[in-house]
C-alpha atoms as a PDB file:
ATOM      1  CA  UNK A   1      -8.903  12.597  -4.238  1.00  0.00           C
ATOM      2  CA  UNK A   2      -8.316   9.101  -3.588  1.00  0.00           C
ATOM      3  CA  UNK A   3      -5.275   7.300  -3.082  1.00  0.00           C
ATOM      4  CA  UNK A   4      -3.626   3.624  -3.015  1.00  0.00           C
ATOM      5  CA  UNK A   5      -2.207   2.405   0.561  1.00  0.00           C
ATOM      6  CA  UNK A   6       1.020   0.993   0.759  1.00  0.00           C
ATOM      7  CA  UNK A   7       1.625  -1.532   3.344  1.00  0.00           C
ATOM      8  CA  UNK A   8       4.339   0.664   4.439  1.00  0.00           C
ATOM      9  CA  UNK A   9       2.176   3.411   4.612  1.00  0.00           C
ATOM     10  CA  UNK A  10      -0.545   1.767   6.653  1.00  0.00           C
ATOM     11  CA  UNK A  11       2.126   0.389   9.333  1.00  0.00           C
ATOM     12  CA  UNK A  12       3.372   4.112   9.845  1.00  0.00           C
ATOM     13  CA  UNK A  13      -0.232   4.847  10.623  1.00  0.00           C
ATOM     14  CA  UNK A  14      -0.921   2.155  13.090  1.00  0.00           C
ATOM     15  CA  UNK A  15       2.445   2.536  14.928  1.00  0.00           C
ATOM     16  CA  UNK A  16       2.472   6.374  15.172  1.00  0.00           C
ATOM     17  CA  UNK A  17       5.846   6.501  12.981  1.00  0.00           C
ATOM     18  CA  UNK A  18       6.436   9.401  10.799  1.00  0.00           C
ATOM     19  CA  UNK A  19       3.860   9.986   8.691  1.00  0.00           C
ATOM     20  CA  UNK A  20       0.982   8.735  10.517  1.00  0.00           C
ATOM     21  CA  UNK A  21      -1.114  11.952  10.453  1.00  0.00           C
ATOM     22  CA  UNK A  22      -0.640  12.083   6.542  1.00  0.00           C
ATOM     23  CA  UNK A  23      -1.882   8.950   6.307  1.00  0.00           C
ATOM     24  CA  UNK A  24      -4.598   9.336   8.963  1.00  0.00           C
ATOM     25  CA  UNK A  25      -5.957  12.146   6.607  1.00  0.00           C
ATOM     26  CA  UNK A  26      -5.727   9.905   3.127  1.00  0.00           C
ATOM     27  CA  UNK A  27      -7.898   6.789   4.895  1.00  0.00           C
ATOM     28  CA  UNK A  28     -11.271   8.234   3.951  1.00  0.00           C
ATOM     29  CA  UNK A  29     -11.760   7.015   0.118  1.00  0.00           C
ATOM     30  CA  UNK A  30      -8.226   5.150   0.207  1.00  0.00           C
ATOM     31  CA  UNK A  31      -7.833   1.914  -1.668  1.00  0.00           C
ATOM     32  CA  UNK A  32      -5.114  -1.254  -0.524  1.00  0.00           C
ATOM     33  CA  UNK A  33      -4.625  -4.200  -2.290  1.00  0.00           C
ATOM     34  CA  UNK A  34      -5.830  -7.384  -0.192  1.00  0.00           C
ATOM     35  CA  UNK A  35      -2.133  -8.112  -0.964  1.00  0.00           C
ATOM     36  CA  UNK A  36      -1.133  -5.121   1.074  1.00  0.00           C
ATOM     37  CA  UNK A  37      -3.404  -5.988   3.635  1.00  0.00           C
ATOM     38  CA  UNK A  38      -2.040  -9.657   4.161  1.00  0.00           C
ATOM     39  CA  UNK A  39       1.370  -7.460   4.848  1.00  0.00           C
ATOM     40  CA  UNK A  40      -0.546  -5.410   7.021  1.00  0.00           C
ATOM     41  CA  UNK A  41      -2.428  -8.226   9.197  1.00  0.00           C
ATOM     42  CA  UNK A  42       1.304 -10.389   9.027  1.00  0.00           C
ATOM     43  CA  UNK A  43       3.477  -7.614  10.635  1.00  0.00           C
ATOM     44  CA  UNK A  44       0.898  -6.828  13.234  1.00  0.00           C
ATOM     45  CA  UNK A  45       0.971 -10.064  14.266  1.00  0.00           C
ATOM     46  CA  UNK A  46       4.663 -10.073  14.388  1.00  0.00           C
ATOM     47  CA  UNK A  47       4.170  -7.445  16.919  1.00  0.00           C
ATOM     48  CA  UNK A  48       1.519  -9.516  18.410  1.00  0.00           C
ATOM     49  CA  UNK A  49      -1.028  -6.604  18.046  1.00  0.00           C
ATOM     50  CA  UNK A  50      -4.717  -6.830  18.706  1.00  0.00           C
ATOM     51  CA  UNK A  51      -5.737  -7.389  14.970  1.00  0.00           C
ATOM     52  CA  UNK A  52      -9.197  -8.237  16.027  1.00  0.00           C
ATOM     53  CA  UNK A  53     -10.543  -4.550  15.116  1.00  0.00           C
ATOM     54  CA  UNK A  54      -8.546  -4.043  11.784  1.00  0.00           C
ATOM     55  CA  UNK A  55     -10.040  -4.590   8.479  1.00  0.00           C
ATOM     56  CA  UNK A  56     -13.888  -3.282  10.052  1.00  0.00           C
ATOM     57  CA  UNK A  57     -11.970  -0.151  11.695  1.00  0.00           C
ATOM     58  CA  UNK A  58     -10.231   0.511   8.330  1.00  0.00           C
ATOM     59  CA  UNK A  59     -13.518   0.048   6.781  1.00  0.00           C
ATOM     60  CA  UNK A  60     -15.572   2.297   9.187  1.00  0.00           C
ATOM     61  CA  UNK A  61     -13.112   5.284   8.347  1.00  0.00           C
ATOM     62  CA  UNK A  62     -13.346   4.652   4.273  1.00  0.00           C
ATOM     63  CA  UNK A  63     -10.641   2.481   3.581  1.00  0.00           C
ATOM     64  CA  UNK A  64     -11.515   0.266   0.542  1.00  0.00           C
ATOM     65  CA  UNK A  65      -9.935  -3.496   0.495  1.00  0.00           C
ATOM     66  CA  UNK A  66      -9.358  -4.396  -3.189  1.00  0.00           C
ATOM     67  CA  UNK A  67      -8.686  -7.875  -4.783  1.00  0.00           C
ATOM     68  CA  UNK A  68      -5.893  -8.199  -6.387  1.00  0.00           C
ATOM     69  CA  UNK A  69      -6.944  -9.422 -10.062  1.00  0.00           C
ATOM     70  CA  UNK A  70      -5.588 -11.123 -13.067  1.00  0.00           C
ATOM     71  CA  UNK A  71      -4.909  -7.708 -14.803  1.00  0.00           C
ATOM     72  CA  UNK A  72      -2.897  -6.317 -11.633  1.00  0.00           C
ATOM     73  CA  UNK A  73      -1.051  -9.778 -11.692  1.00  0.00           C
ATOM     74  CA  UNK A  74       0.230  -9.652 -15.072  1.00  0.00           C
ATOM     75  CA  UNK A  75       0.629  -5.607 -14.329  1.00  0.00           C
ATOM     76  CA  UNK A  76       3.093  -6.848 -11.097  1.00  0.00           C
ATOM     77  CA  UNK A  77       4.928  -9.580 -13.615  1.00  0.00           C
ATOM     78  CA  UNK A  78       5.888  -6.897 -16.157  1.00  0.00           C
ATOM     79  CA  UNK A  79       6.751  -4.444 -13.751  1.00  0.00           C
ATOM     80  CA  UNK A  80       9.885  -7.428 -12.058  1.00  0.00           C
ATOM     81  CA  UNK A  81      12.172  -6.635 -14.227  1.00  0.00           C
ATOM     82  CA  UNK A  82      12.307  -2.699 -13.654  1.00  0.00           C
ATOM     83  CA  UNK A  83      11.715  -3.302  -9.554  1.00  0.00           C
ATOM     84  CA  UNK A  84      14.216  -6.379  -9.031  1.00  0.00           C
ATOM     85  CA  UNK A  85      17.171  -4.446  -8.640  1.00  0.00           C
ATOM     86  CA  UNK A  86      15.499  -1.889  -5.909  1.00  0.00           C
ATOM     87  CA  UNK A  87      14.629  -4.725  -3.879  1.00  0.00           C
ATOM     88  CA  UNK A  88      10.507  -4.663  -4.473  1.00  0.00           C
ATOM     89  CA  UNK A  89       8.677  -7.690  -3.385  1.00  0.00           C
ATOM     90  CA  UNK A  90       5.351  -9.311  -4.783  1.00  0.00           C
ATOM     91  CA  UNK A  91       3.605  -7.143  -2.339  1.00  0.00           C
ATOM     92  CA  UNK A  92       5.207  -3.993  -3.612  1.00  0.00           C
ATOM     93  CA  UNK A  93       4.459  -4.820  -7.328  1.00  0.00           C
ATOM     94  CA  UNK A  94       1.005  -5.435  -6.426  1.00  0.00           C
ATOM     95  CA  UNK A  95       0.847  -2.175  -4.858  1.00  0.00           C
ATOM     96  CA  UNK A  96       1.907  -0.468  -7.677  1.00  0.00           C
ATOM     97  CA  UNK A  97      -0.122  -2.170 -10.143  1.00  0.00           C
ATOM     98  CA  UNK A  98      -3.329  -1.525  -8.711  1.00  0.00           C
ATOM     99  CA  UNK A  99      -2.319   2.194  -8.839  1.00  0.00           C
ATOM    100  CA  UNK A 100      -1.510   1.835 -12.136  1.00  0.00           C
ATOM    101  CA  UNK A 101      -4.675   0.000 -13.103  1.00  0.00           C
ATOM    102  CA  UNK A 102      -6.716   2.641 -11.517  1.00  0.00           C
ATOM    103  CA  UNK A 103      -4.638   5.416 -12.025  1.00  0.00           C
ATOM    104  CA  UNK A 104      -4.227   6.830  -8.821  1.00  0.00           C
ATOM    105  CA  UNK A 105      -1.129   7.945  -6.666  1.00  0.00           C
ATOM    106  CA  UNK A 106       0.419   5.995  -4.202  1.00  0.00           C
ATOM    107  CA  UNK A 107       1.135   6.863  -0.704  1.00  0.00           C
ATOM    108  CA  UNK A 108       4.516   4.686   1.074  1.00  0.00           C
ATOM    109  CA  UNK A 109       6.752   5.095   3.268  1.00  0.00           C
ATOM    110  CA  UNK A 110       9.620   3.300   1.065  1.00  0.00           C
ATOM    111  CA  UNK A 111      12.012   5.724  -0.233  1.00  0.00           C
ATOM    112  CA  UNK A 112      13.032   3.573  -2.659  1.00  0.00           C
ATOM    113  CA  UNK A 113       9.916   4.151  -4.913  1.00  0.00           C
ATOM    114  CA  UNK A 114      10.880   7.224  -5.796  1.00  0.00           C
ATOM    115  CA  UNK A 115      13.684   6.169  -7.319  1.00  0.00           C
ATOM    116  CA  UNK A 116      11.413   3.953  -9.326  1.00  0.00           C
ATOM    117  CA  UNK A 117      10.504   5.748 -13.266  1.00  0.00           C
ATOM    118  CA  UNK A 118       7.105   4.590 -12.604  1.00  0.00           C
ATOM    119  CA  UNK A 119       4.010   5.756 -14.852  1.00  0.00           C
ATOM    120  CA  UNK A 120       1.705   6.892 -11.220  1.00  0.00           C
ATOM    121  CA  UNK A 121       2.671   9.363  -8.786  1.00  0.00           C
ATOM    122  CA  UNK A 122       4.278   8.040  -5.478  1.00  0.00           C
ATOM    123  CA  UNK A 123       3.494  10.530  -2.808  1.00  0.00           C
ATOM    124  CA  UNK A 124       6.291   9.613   0.639  1.00  0.00           C
ATOM    125  CA  UNK A 125       5.091   9.767   3.654  1.00  0.00           C
ATOM    126  CA  UNK A 126       7.432  10.381   6.715  1.00  0.00           C
END
């Protein structure tokens, strides 16, 4: 079954952190928003990691990169009032918006998401 990858989940996989195996098993067919992909690349660059292989490598194992659509932008904007007290960024809300748009569960390492009353399933890794 397809799932939405939050940046935190993909970063946990890349860095061999807790939950990496769960993420690895979900990669084939998983979707990631271009907004969350930007976060993965930025945080990898901060760690001075080689990113030259990443997009093609993840595509080869079945990860699907999804554009951030106007519909998802509107969903993310509507989530702001509910999510602001939990510190969710625009990237976090973009991930949730993709999941809501596609009606798919989210794989994340961000525990606070489990505290939100969201209309999508949150699957915590780690």
